Amino acid sequence: MFVTLERLLNLDDDYRRVFDVAGHQLLLIVVEGQPRLIENRCPHQGAPLARATLSGTVLRCPRHGARFDVTTGRALDATCHALAVYPLAYDGDRIGVEV
């Protein structure tokens, strides 16, 4: 089932929004012009990532500074597990996720 998150025309480089999808908090963020969908939870200690800093494709957790490549979810610090990254789906002018 396709769940619409946003219309494509609303996505700009500063876009960042949290959605509750099937009991999961997901963060839709635009990184270098590309939308990315990640879990809004740092795998290190569960801190929300909606206010994380972004430098290029590197997302830094606001609580403990854990860093992740937001395009792959790969942890850039040895103390962390990978970040959950979800594939996006498209339906006309809408972006969403299949659940």
C-alpha atoms as a PDB file:
ATOM      1  CA  MET A   1       0.000   0.000   0.000  1.00  0.00           C
ATOM      2  CA  PHE A   2       1.347   3.418  -1.024  1.00  0.00           C
ATOM      3  CA  VAL A   3       1.377   6.036   1.746  1.00  0.00           C
ATOM      4  CA  THR A   4       1.750   9.612   0.480  1.00  0.00           C
ATOM      5  CA  LEU A   5       4.216  11.737   2.429  1.00  0.00           C
ATOM      6  CA  GLU A   6       4.502  14.923   0.384  1.00  0.00           C
ATOM      7  CA  ARG A   7       3.948  16.551  -2.985  1.00  0.00           C
ATOM      8  CA  LEU A   8       7.132  16.793  -5.044  1.00  0.00           C
ATOM      9  CA  LEU A   9       6.766  20.535  -5.594  1.00  0.00           C
ATOM     10  CA  ASN A  10       7.189  21.103  -1.831  1.00  0.00           C
ATOM     11  CA  LEU A  11      10.614  19.462  -1.671  1.00  0.00           C
ATOM     12  CA  ASP A  12      13.455  21.965  -1.585  1.00  0.00           C
ATOM     13  CA  ASP A  13      16.987  21.805  -0.181  1.00  0.00           C
ATOM     14  CA  ASP A  14      15.843  22.883   3.296  1.00  0.00           C
ATOM     15  CA  TYR A  15      12.985  20.377   3.499  1.00  0.00           C
ATOM     16  CA  ARG A  16      12.816  18.244   6.650  1.00  0.00           C
ATOM     17  CA  ARG A  17       9.679  16.685   8.134  1.00  0.00           C
ATOM     18  CA  VAL A  18       8.780  13.773  10.409  1.00  0.00           C
ATOM     19  CA  PHE A  19       5.951  11.370   9.528  1.00  0.00           C
ATOM     20  CA  ASP A  20       4.337   8.598  11.533  1.00  0.00           C
ATOM     21  CA  VAL A  21       3.961   5.608   9.203  1.00  0.00           C
ATOM     22  CA  ALA A  22       2.704   2.272  10.514  1.00  0.00           C
ATOM     23  CA  GLY A  23       3.977   3.068  13.999  1.00  0.00           C
ATOM     24  CA  HIS A  24       7.422   4.245  12.824  1.00  0.00           C
ATOM     25  CA  GLN A  25       8.699   7.813  13.020  1.00  0.00           C
ATOM     26  CA  LEU A  26      10.279   8.511   9.624  1.00  0.00           C
ATOM     27  CA  LEU A  27      12.224  11.606   8.599  1.00  0.00           C
ATOM     28  CA  LEU A  28      11.901  12.837   5.025  1.00  0.00           C
ATOM     29  CA  ILE A  29      14.856  15.078   4.252  1.00  0.00           C
ATOM     30  CA  VAL A  30      16.278  16.562   1.064  1.00  0.00           C
ATOM     31  CA  VAL A  31      20.030  16.029   0.765  1.00  0.00           C
ATOM     32  CA  GLU A  32      21.924  17.593  -2.134  1.00  0.00           C
ATOM     33  CA  GLY A  33      18.679  17.894  -4.084  1.00  0.00           C
ATOM     34  CA  GLN A  34      17.589  14.291  -3.462  1.00  0.00           C
ATOM     35  CA  PRO A  35      14.846  13.227  -1.055  1.00  0.00           C
ATOM     36  CA  ARG A  36      15.885  10.610   1.513  1.00  0.00           C
ATOM     37  CA  LEU A  37      13.733   8.728   3.990  1.00  0.00           C
ATOM     38  CA  ILE A  38      15.329   7.571   7.238  1.00  0.00           C
ATOM     39  CA  GLU A  39      14.176   6.451  10.642  1.00  0.00           C
ATOM     40  CA  ASN A  40      13.864   9.478  12.927  1.00  0.00           C
ATOM     41  CA  ARG A  41      15.861   7.690  15.599  1.00  0.00           C
ATOM     42  CA  CYS A  42      19.596   7.492  16.118  1.00  0.00           C
ATOM     43  CA  PRO A  43      20.624   3.827  16.459  1.00  0.00           C
ATOM     44  CA  HIS A  44      23.189   4.875  19.087  1.00  0.00           C
ATOM     45  CA  GLN A  45      20.779   5.846  21.883  1.00  0.00           C
ATOM     46  CA  GLY A  46      17.457   6.553  20.199  1.00  0.00           C
ATOM     47  CA  ALA A  47      17.643  10.339  19.975  1.00  0.00           C
ATOM     48  CA  PRO A  48      15.335  11.929  17.375  1.00  0.00           C
ATOM     49  CA  LEU A  49      17.184  13.058  14.250  1.00  0.00           C
ATOM     50  CA  ALA A  50      14.787  15.778  13.070  1.00  0.00           C
ATOM     51  CA  ARG A  51      17.167  18.444  14.464  1.00  0.00           C
ATOM     52  CA  ALA A  52      20.375  16.710  13.427  1.00  0.00           C
ATOM     53  CA  THR A  53      22.926  18.783  11.561  1.00  0.00           C
ATOM     54  CA  LEU A  54      23.592  18.018   7.929  1.00  0.00           C
ATOM     55  CA  SER A  55      26.877  18.672   6.143  1.00  0.00           C
ATOM     56  CA  GLY A  56      26.851  17.363   2.600  1.00  0.00           C
ATOM     57  CA  THR A  57      25.579  13.815   3.019  1.00  0.00           C
ATOM     58  CA  VAL A  58      26.722  13.477   6.633  1.00  0.00           C
ATOM     59  CA  LEU A  59      24.026  13.637   9.291  1.00  0.00           C
ATOM     60  CA  ARG A  60      25.192  14.259  12.879  1.00  0.00           C
ATOM     61  CA  CYS A  61      22.999  13.249  15.812  1.00  0.00           C
ATOM     62  CA  PRO A  62      22.198  16.254  18.027  1.00  0.00           C
ATOM     63  CA  ARG A  63      22.539  14.278  21.263  1.00  0.00           C
ATOM     64  CA  HIS A  64      25.910  12.513  21.065  1.00  0.00           C
ATOM     65  CA  GLY A  65      27.378  13.549  17.714  1.00  0.00           C
ATOM     66  CA  ALA A  66      27.156  10.127  16.026  1.00  0.00           C
ATOM     67  CA  ARG A  67      27.601  10.557  12.262  1.00  0.00           C
ATOM     68  CA  PHE A  68      25.914   8.749   9.381  1.00  0.00           C
ATOM     69  CA  ASP A  69      26.024   8.810   5.592  1.00  0.00           C
ATOM     70  CA  VAL A  70      22.375   9.661   4.976  1.00  0.00           C
ATOM     71  CA  THR A  71      22.447   8.226   1.442  1.00  0.00           C
ATOM     72  CA  THR A  72      23.380   4.706   2.600  1.00  0.00           C
ATOM     73  CA  GLY A  73      22.720   4.748   6.342  1.00  0.00           C
ATOM     74  CA  ARG A  74      26.317   3.689   7.022  1.00  0.00           C
ATOM     75  CA  ALA A  75      27.596   4.712  10.450  1.00  0.00           C
ATOM     76  CA  LEU A  76      30.763   6.797  10.241  1.00  0.00           C
ATOM     77  CA  ASP A  77      31.683   6.127  13.866  1.00  0.00           C
ATOM     78  CA  ALA A  78      32.694   2.685  15.097  1.00  0.00           C
ATOM     79  CA  THR A  79      30.407   2.877  18.149  1.00  0.00           C
ATOM     80  CA  CYS A  80      27.177   2.935  16.117  1.00  0.00           C
ATOM     81  CA  HIS A  81      25.011   0.654  14.056  1.00  0.00           C
ATOM     82  CA  ALA A  82      23.768   1.707  10.634  1.00  0.00           C
ATOM     83  CA  LEU A  83      20.877   4.111  10.269  1.00  0.00           C
ATOM     84  CA  ALA A  84      17.654   2.666   8.810  1.00  0.00           C
ATOM     85  CA  VAL A  85      17.107   4.034   5.279  1.00  0.00           C
ATOM     86  CA  TYR A  86      13.812   3.383   3.464  1.00  0.00           C
ATOM     87  CA  PRO A  87      13.176   3.324  -0.284  1.00  0.00           C
ATOM     88  CA  LEU A  88      10.903   6.051  -1.566  1.00  0.00           C
ATOM     89  CA  ALA A  89       8.047   5.466  -3.979  1.00  0.00           C
ATOM     90  CA  TYR A  90       6.431   7.884  -6.416  1.00  0.00           C
ATOM     91  CA  ASP A  91       2.836   8.275  -7.590  1.00  0.00           C
ATOM     92  CA  GLY A  92       2.391  11.119 -10.034  1.00  0.00           C
ATOM     93  CA  ASP A  93       3.367  14.326  -8.241  1.00  0.00           C
ATOM     94  CA  ARG A  94       3.561  12.635  -4.823  1.00  0.00           C
ATOM     95  CA  ILE A  95       6.392  11.002  -2.948  1.00  0.00           C
ATOM     96  CA  GLY A  96       5.768   8.339  -0.364  1.00  0.00           C
ATOM     97  CA  VAL A  97       6.592   4.893   0.920  1.00  0.00           C
ATOM     98  CA  GLU A  98       5.201   1.413   0.325  1.00  0.00           C
ATOM     99  CA  VAL A  99       4.025  -0.336   3.508  1.00  0.00           C
END
